[in-house]
């Protein structure tokens, strides 16, 4: 059965992306393919590699934080911010991760990747 759409509001997504897992994975692979910068042909992605790299840079920073941790564990400090449509988080041990989530009552997605390793 085809689902209808809702107007913008508290529960309706503002971006309104409808996709399959396969296509979402290709979208994420395009962000990973943006690194490193190079002069080879751009490929089929709708955004240039330079634009995809720019989206993965912090343009609006949020302050550093320390995650709750067990008394015998090392604290985990992170900092980051919002790029152009993506969250960028810098962790002392993991390095940079990029992500974005979305959802609707009963449905949810979360895409995340680690540019340094391509995973």
N, C-alpha and C. Protein backbone atom coordinates (compact mmCIF):
# COMPACT_ATOMS: atom_id res chain seq x y z
N UNK A 1 0.84 -1.16 0.00
CA UNK A 1 0.00 0.00 0.00
C UNK A 1 0.89 1.24 0.00
N UNK A 2 0.60 2.19 -0.80
CA UNK A 2 1.37 3.42 -0.89
C UNK A 2 0.95 4.36 0.24
N UNK A 3 1.97 4.88 0.94
CA UNK A 3 1.73 5.80 2.05
C UNK A 3 1.54 7.22 1.50
N UNK A 4 0.70 7.98 2.14
CA UNK A 4 0.51 9.37 1.77
C UNK A 4 1.61 10.23 2.37
N UNK A 5 1.60 11.51 2.11
CA UNK A 5 2.57 12.42 2.68
C UNK A 5 1.85 13.42 3.58
N UNK A 6 2.59 13.93 4.54
CA UNK A 6 2.05 14.94 5.45
C UNK A 6 2.71 16.27 5.15
N UNK A 7 2.03 17.34 5.46
CA UNK A 7 2.62 18.67 5.34
C UNK A 7 3.67 18.87 6.40
N UNK A 8 4.44 19.94 6.28
CA UNK A 8 5.47 20.23 7.27
C UNK A 8 4.83 20.41 8.64
N UNK A 9 5.51 19.95 9.66
CA UNK A 9 4.98 20.08 11.00
C UNK A 9 5.87 19.37 11.99
N UNK A 10 5.33 19.10 13.15
CA UNK A 10 6.11 18.51 14.23
C UNK A 10 6.64 17.13 13.86
N UNK A 11 5.91 16.37 13.09
CA UNK A 11 6.32 15.01 12.77
C UNK A 11 6.77 14.84 11.33
N UNK A 12 6.47 15.74 10.46
CA UNK A 12 6.84 15.59 9.05
C UNK A 12 8.28 16.06 8.83
N UNK A 13 9.02 15.25 8.10
CA UNK A 13 10.41 15.60 7.84
C UNK A 13 10.48 16.80 6.90
N UNK A 14 11.41 17.68 7.17
CA UNK A 14 11.54 18.87 6.35
C UNK A 14 12.25 18.56 5.03
N UNK A 15 13.15 17.58 5.04
CA UNK A 15 13.85 17.20 3.82
C UNK A 15 13.03 16.26 2.96
N UNK A 16 12.23 15.46 3.60
CA UNK A 16 11.33 14.58 2.87
C UNK A 16 12.03 13.56 1.99
N UNK A 17 13.07 12.90 2.49
CA UNK A 17 13.78 11.91 1.68
C UNK A 17 13.09 10.56 1.82
N UNK A 18 12.73 9.99 0.70
CA UNK A 18 12.21 8.63 0.64
C UNK A 18 13.25 7.82 -0.12
N UNK A 19 13.67 6.72 0.43
CA UNK A 19 14.73 5.95 -0.21
C UNK A 19 14.68 4.50 0.19
N UNK A 20 15.51 3.71 -0.45
CA UNK A 20 15.70 2.32 -0.07
C UNK A 20 17.04 2.20 0.64
N UNK A 21 17.27 1.09 1.32
CA UNK A 21 18.54 0.87 1.99
C UNK A 21 19.67 0.87 0.95
N UNK A 22 19.44 0.24 -0.20
CA UNK A 22 20.46 0.20 -1.25
C UNK A 22 20.83 1.62 -1.71
N UNK A 23 19.84 2.45 -1.98
CA UNK A 23 20.13 3.81 -2.45
C UNK A 23 20.76 4.67 -1.36
N UNK A 24 20.33 4.48 -0.12
CA UNK A 24 20.95 5.22 0.98
C UNK A 24 22.41 4.83 1.12
N UNK A 25 22.73 3.55 0.95
CA UNK A 25 24.12 3.14 1.04
C UNK A 25 24.94 3.72 -0.11
N UNK A 26 24.36 3.86 -1.28
CA UNK A 26 25.08 4.50 -2.40
C UNK A 26 25.30 5.98 -2.11
N UNK A 27 24.34 6.63 -1.48
CA UNK A 27 24.48 8.04 -1.11
C UNK A 27 25.64 8.23 -0.13
N UNK A 28 25.70 7.37 0.89
CA UNK A 28 26.79 7.43 1.87
C UNK A 28 28.12 7.11 1.20
N UNK A 29 28.15 6.13 0.31
CA UNK A 29 29.38 5.80 -0.41
C UNK A 29 29.89 7.00 -1.20
N UNK A 30 28.99 7.82 -1.69
CA UNK A 30 29.39 9.03 -2.40
C UNK A 30 30.09 10.02 -1.49
N UNK A 31 29.66 10.10 -0.24
CA UNK A 31 30.35 10.99 0.71
C UNK A 31 31.73 10.44 1.04
N UNK A 32 31.84 9.14 1.18
CA UNK A 32 33.15 8.54 1.44
C UNK A 32 34.08 8.72 0.25
N UNK A 33 33.54 8.65 -0.95
CA UNK A 33 34.34 8.79 -2.17
C UNK A 33 34.85 10.22 -2.37
N UNK A 34 34.34 11.17 -1.61
CA UNK A 34 34.78 12.57 -1.75
C UNK A 34 36.20 12.77 -1.25
N UNK A 35 36.70 11.83 -0.47
CA UNK A 35 38.06 11.91 0.08
C UNK A 35 38.93 10.86 -0.57
N UNK A 36 40.17 11.15 -0.85
CA UNK A 36 40.82 12.46 -0.77
C UNK A 36 40.46 13.31 -1.99
N UNK A 37 40.75 14.59 -1.90
CA UNK A 37 40.56 15.48 -3.04
C UNK A 37 41.44 14.99 -4.18
N UNK A 38 40.91 15.00 -5.39
CA UNK A 38 41.68 14.54 -6.55
C UNK A 38 41.08 15.10 -7.82
N UNK A 39 41.80 14.96 -8.91
CA UNK A 39 41.38 15.52 -10.20
C UNK A 39 40.75 14.50 -11.13
N UNK A 40 40.55 13.27 -10.68
CA UNK A 40 39.96 12.26 -11.55
C UNK A 40 38.49 12.61 -11.84
N UNK A 41 37.90 11.98 -12.86
CA UNK A 41 36.50 12.29 -13.21
C UNK A 41 35.57 12.16 -12.00
N UNK A 42 34.55 12.98 -11.99
CA UNK A 42 33.64 13.07 -10.84
C UNK A 42 32.79 11.83 -10.63
N UNK A 43 32.36 11.16 -11.64
CA UNK A 43 31.49 9.99 -11.47
C UNK A 43 30.03 10.38 -11.47
N UNK A 44 29.13 9.43 -11.15
CA UNK A 44 27.68 9.65 -11.30
C UNK A 44 27.00 10.39 -10.15
N UNK A 45 27.68 10.68 -9.06
CA UNK A 45 27.03 11.33 -7.92
C UNK A 45 26.52 12.71 -8.34
N UNK A 46 25.33 13.13 -7.88
CA UNK A 46 24.78 14.43 -8.29
C UNK A 46 25.54 15.64 -7.73
N UNK A 47 26.37 15.45 -6.70
CA UNK A 47 27.15 16.55 -6.14
C UNK A 47 28.62 16.36 -6.45
N UNK A 48 29.31 17.46 -6.72
CA UNK A 48 30.76 17.38 -6.93
C UNK A 48 31.44 16.92 -5.65
N UNK A 49 32.62 16.30 -5.81
CA UNK A 49 33.36 15.84 -4.63
C UNK A 49 33.66 17.00 -3.68
N UNK A 50 34.03 18.16 -4.22
CA UNK A 50 34.33 19.32 -3.37
C UNK A 50 33.12 19.70 -2.52
N UNK A 51 31.93 19.65 -3.09
CA UNK A 51 30.71 19.97 -2.35
C UNK A 51 30.45 18.93 -1.27
N UNK A 52 30.69 17.66 -1.57
CA UNK A 52 30.50 16.60 -0.58
C UNK A 52 31.49 16.74 0.57
N UNK A 53 32.72 17.16 0.27
CA UNK A 53 33.69 17.39 1.36
C UNK A 53 33.26 18.59 2.20
N UNK A 54 32.77 19.64 1.55
CA UNK A 54 32.33 20.84 2.28
C UNK A 54 31.15 20.52 3.20
N UNK A 55 30.26 19.65 2.78
CA UNK A 55 29.13 19.27 3.62
C UNK A 55 29.60 18.59 4.90
N UNK A 56 30.79 17.96 4.85
CA UNK A 56 31.31 17.20 5.98
C UNK A 56 32.27 18.01 6.84
N UNK A 57 32.23 19.31 6.70
CA UNK A 57 33.02 20.21 7.54
C UNK A 57 32.08 20.92 8.51
N UNK A 58 32.58 21.23 9.69
CA UNK A 58 31.77 21.94 10.68
C UNK A 58 31.58 23.39 10.23
N UNK A 59 30.33 23.80 10.13
CA UNK A 59 30.02 25.19 9.81
C UNK A 59 29.33 25.87 11.00
N UNK A 60 28.76 25.09 11.88
CA UNK A 60 28.16 25.61 13.11
C UNK A 60 28.60 24.69 14.24
N UNK A 61 29.56 25.16 15.03
CA UNK A 61 30.16 24.33 16.08
C UNK A 61 29.27 24.26 17.31
N UNK A 62 29.33 23.13 17.96
CA UNK A 62 28.77 23.04 19.31
C UNK A 62 29.91 22.68 20.25
N UNK A 63 29.78 23.05 21.48
CA UNK A 63 30.87 22.92 22.43
C UNK A 63 31.30 21.50 22.69
N UNK A 64 32.51 21.35 23.20
CA UNK A 64 33.00 20.02 23.54
C UNK A 64 32.19 19.43 24.69
N UNK A 65 32.19 18.10 24.76
CA UNK A 65 31.48 17.45 25.85
C UNK A 65 32.28 16.23 26.29
N UNK A 66 31.99 15.80 27.49
CA UNK A 66 32.60 14.59 28.04
C UNK A 66 31.47 13.63 28.35
N UNK A 67 31.53 12.46 27.73
CA UNK A 67 30.47 11.46 27.91
C UNK A 67 30.58 10.85 29.30
N UNK A 68 29.43 10.41 29.81
CA UNK A 68 29.42 9.70 31.09
C UNK A 68 30.25 8.44 30.95
N UNK A 69 30.96 8.10 31.98
CA UNK A 69 31.84 6.94 31.91
C UNK A 69 31.92 6.27 33.26
N UNK A 70 32.35 5.01 33.24
CA UNK A 70 32.51 4.24 34.48
C UNK A 70 33.66 4.82 35.29
N UNK A 71 33.62 4.71 36.59
CA UNK A 71 34.68 5.29 37.43
C UNK A 71 36.09 4.80 37.09
N UNK A 72 36.21 3.58 36.59
CA UNK A 72 37.53 3.05 36.26
C UNK A 72 37.91 3.22 34.79
N UNK A 73 37.10 3.96 34.04
CA UNK A 73 37.36 4.16 32.61
C UNK A 73 37.83 5.59 32.34
N UNK A 74 38.52 5.75 31.24
CA UNK A 74 38.94 7.07 30.80
C UNK A 74 37.73 7.84 30.27
N UNK A 75 37.62 9.12 30.56
CA UNK A 75 36.51 9.90 29.99
C UNK A 75 36.69 10.02 28.47
N UNK A 76 35.58 10.17 27.77
CA UNK A 76 35.59 10.32 26.32
C UNK A 76 35.16 11.74 25.98
N UNK A 77 36.08 12.51 25.46
CA UNK A 77 35.80 13.89 25.08
C UNK A 77 35.51 13.96 23.59
N UNK A 78 34.47 14.71 23.23
CA UNK A 78 34.12 14.91 21.83
C UNK A 78 33.83 16.38 21.58
N UNK A 79 33.94 16.77 20.35
CA UNK A 79 33.57 18.12 19.90
C UNK A 79 33.09 17.98 18.47
N UNK A 80 32.41 18.94 17.97
CA UNK A 80 31.94 18.85 16.60
C UNK A 80 30.99 19.96 16.27
N UNK A 81 30.10 19.66 15.36
CA UNK A 81 29.14 20.65 14.94
C UNK A 81 28.32 20.16 13.78
N UNK A 82 27.65 21.11 13.15
CA UNK A 82 26.77 20.81 12.03
C UNK A 82 27.40 21.35 10.76
N UNK A 83 27.47 20.51 9.75
CA UNK A 83 27.95 20.93 8.44
C UNK A 83 26.75 21.36 7.61
N UNK A 84 26.80 21.15 6.34
CA UNK A 84 25.65 21.44 5.47
C UNK A 84 24.80 20.18 5.40
N UNK A 85 23.91 20.01 6.38
CA UNK A 85 23.01 18.88 6.40
C UNK A 85 23.55 17.65 7.10
N UNK A 86 24.74 17.73 7.66
CA UNK A 86 25.35 16.57 8.31
C UNK A 86 25.96 16.96 9.64
N UNK A 87 25.96 16.03 10.59
CA UNK A 87 26.61 16.24 11.87
C UNK A 87 28.03 15.69 11.79
N UNK A 88 28.98 16.46 12.28
CA UNK A 88 30.38 16.07 12.27
C UNK A 88 30.83 16.00 13.72
N UNK A 89 31.34 14.85 14.14
CA UNK A 89 31.76 14.66 15.52
C UNK A 89 33.22 14.24 15.53
N UNK A 90 34.00 14.92 16.35
CA UNK A 90 35.42 14.58 16.47
C UNK A 90 35.66 13.99 17.84
N UNK A 91 36.16 12.77 17.83
CA UNK A 91 36.45 12.01 19.04
C UNK A 91 37.96 11.83 19.13
N UNK A 92 38.52 11.95 20.32
CA UNK A 92 39.96 11.86 20.50
C UNK A 92 40.50 10.53 19.98
N UNK A 93 39.81 9.44 20.23
CA UNK A 93 40.29 8.13 19.82
C UNK A 93 39.83 7.72 18.42
N UNK A 94 38.58 7.99 18.09
CA UNK A 94 38.04 7.54 16.80
C UNK A 94 38.36 8.48 15.64
N UNK A 95 38.59 9.73 15.94
CA UNK A 95 38.75 10.71 14.87
C UNK A 95 37.39 11.26 14.49
N UNK A 96 37.23 11.60 13.24
CA UNK A 96 35.99 12.24 12.77
C UNK A 96 34.99 11.21 12.28
N UNK A 97 33.74 11.36 12.72
CA UNK A 97 32.63 10.60 12.16
C UNK A 97 31.60 11.60 11.67
N UNK A 98 30.86 11.19 10.66
CA UNK A 98 29.84 12.05 10.06
C UNK A 98 28.53 11.27 10.08
N UNK A 99 27.42 11.96 10.35
CA UNK A 99 26.15 11.24 10.44
C UNK A 99 24.96 12.16 10.24
N UNK A 100 23.83 11.54 10.09
CA UNK A 100 22.55 12.23 10.12
C UNK A 100 21.47 11.19 10.33
N UNK A 101 20.45 11.55 11.08
CA UNK A 101 19.34 10.64 11.37
C UNK A 101 18.04 11.29 10.94
N UNK A 102 17.06 10.47 10.79
CA UNK A 102 15.73 10.98 10.47
C UNK A 102 14.71 9.95 10.90
N UNK A 103 13.49 10.36 10.93
CA UNK A 103 12.48 9.39 11.33
C UNK A 103 11.08 9.96 11.27
N UNK A 104 10.18 9.09 11.51
CA UNK A 104 8.77 9.37 11.50
C UNK A 104 8.18 8.35 12.46
N UNK A 105 7.10 8.60 13.10
CA UNK A 105 6.58 7.60 14.04
C UNK A 105 6.52 6.20 13.40
N UNK A 106 7.26 5.28 14.00
CA UNK A 106 7.29 3.92 13.49
C UNK A 106 8.40 3.64 12.50
N UNK A 107 9.11 4.68 12.06
CA UNK A 107 10.18 4.51 11.07
C UNK A 107 11.38 5.34 11.51
N UNK A 108 12.56 4.89 11.18
CA UNK A 108 13.73 5.68 11.51
C UNK A 108 14.94 5.24 10.70
N UNK A 109 15.84 6.17 10.50
CA UNK A 109 17.09 5.87 9.81
C UNK A 109 18.22 6.57 10.54
N UNK A 110 19.39 6.05 10.39
CA UNK A 110 20.58 6.72 10.89
C UNK A 110 21.73 6.30 9.99
N UNK A 111 22.29 7.28 9.30
CA UNK A 111 23.46 6.97 8.47
C UNK A 111 24.67 7.59 9.15
N UNK A 112 25.76 6.84 9.19
CA UNK A 112 26.98 7.31 9.83
C UNK A 112 28.17 6.68 9.14
N UNK A 113 29.27 7.43 9.05
CA UNK A 113 30.47 6.89 8.44
C UNK A 113 31.71 7.52 9.03
N UNK A 114 32.85 6.89 8.78
CA UNK A 114 34.15 7.28 9.30
C UNK A 114 35.05 7.57 8.10
N UNK A 115 35.16 8.84 7.68
CA UNK A 115 35.89 9.16 6.45
C UNK A 115 37.33 8.65 6.41
N UNK A 116 38.02 8.61 7.54
CA UNK A 116 39.42 8.20 7.54
C UNK A 116 39.62 6.75 7.12
N UNK A 117 38.65 5.89 7.43
CA UNK A 117 38.78 4.48 7.09
C UNK A 117 37.87 4.05 5.94
N UNK A 118 36.97 4.92 5.55
CA UNK A 118 36.04 4.55 4.48
C UNK A 118 34.96 3.60 4.94
N UNK A 119 34.74 3.53 6.24
CA UNK A 119 33.71 2.62 6.77
C UNK A 119 32.54 3.38 7.34
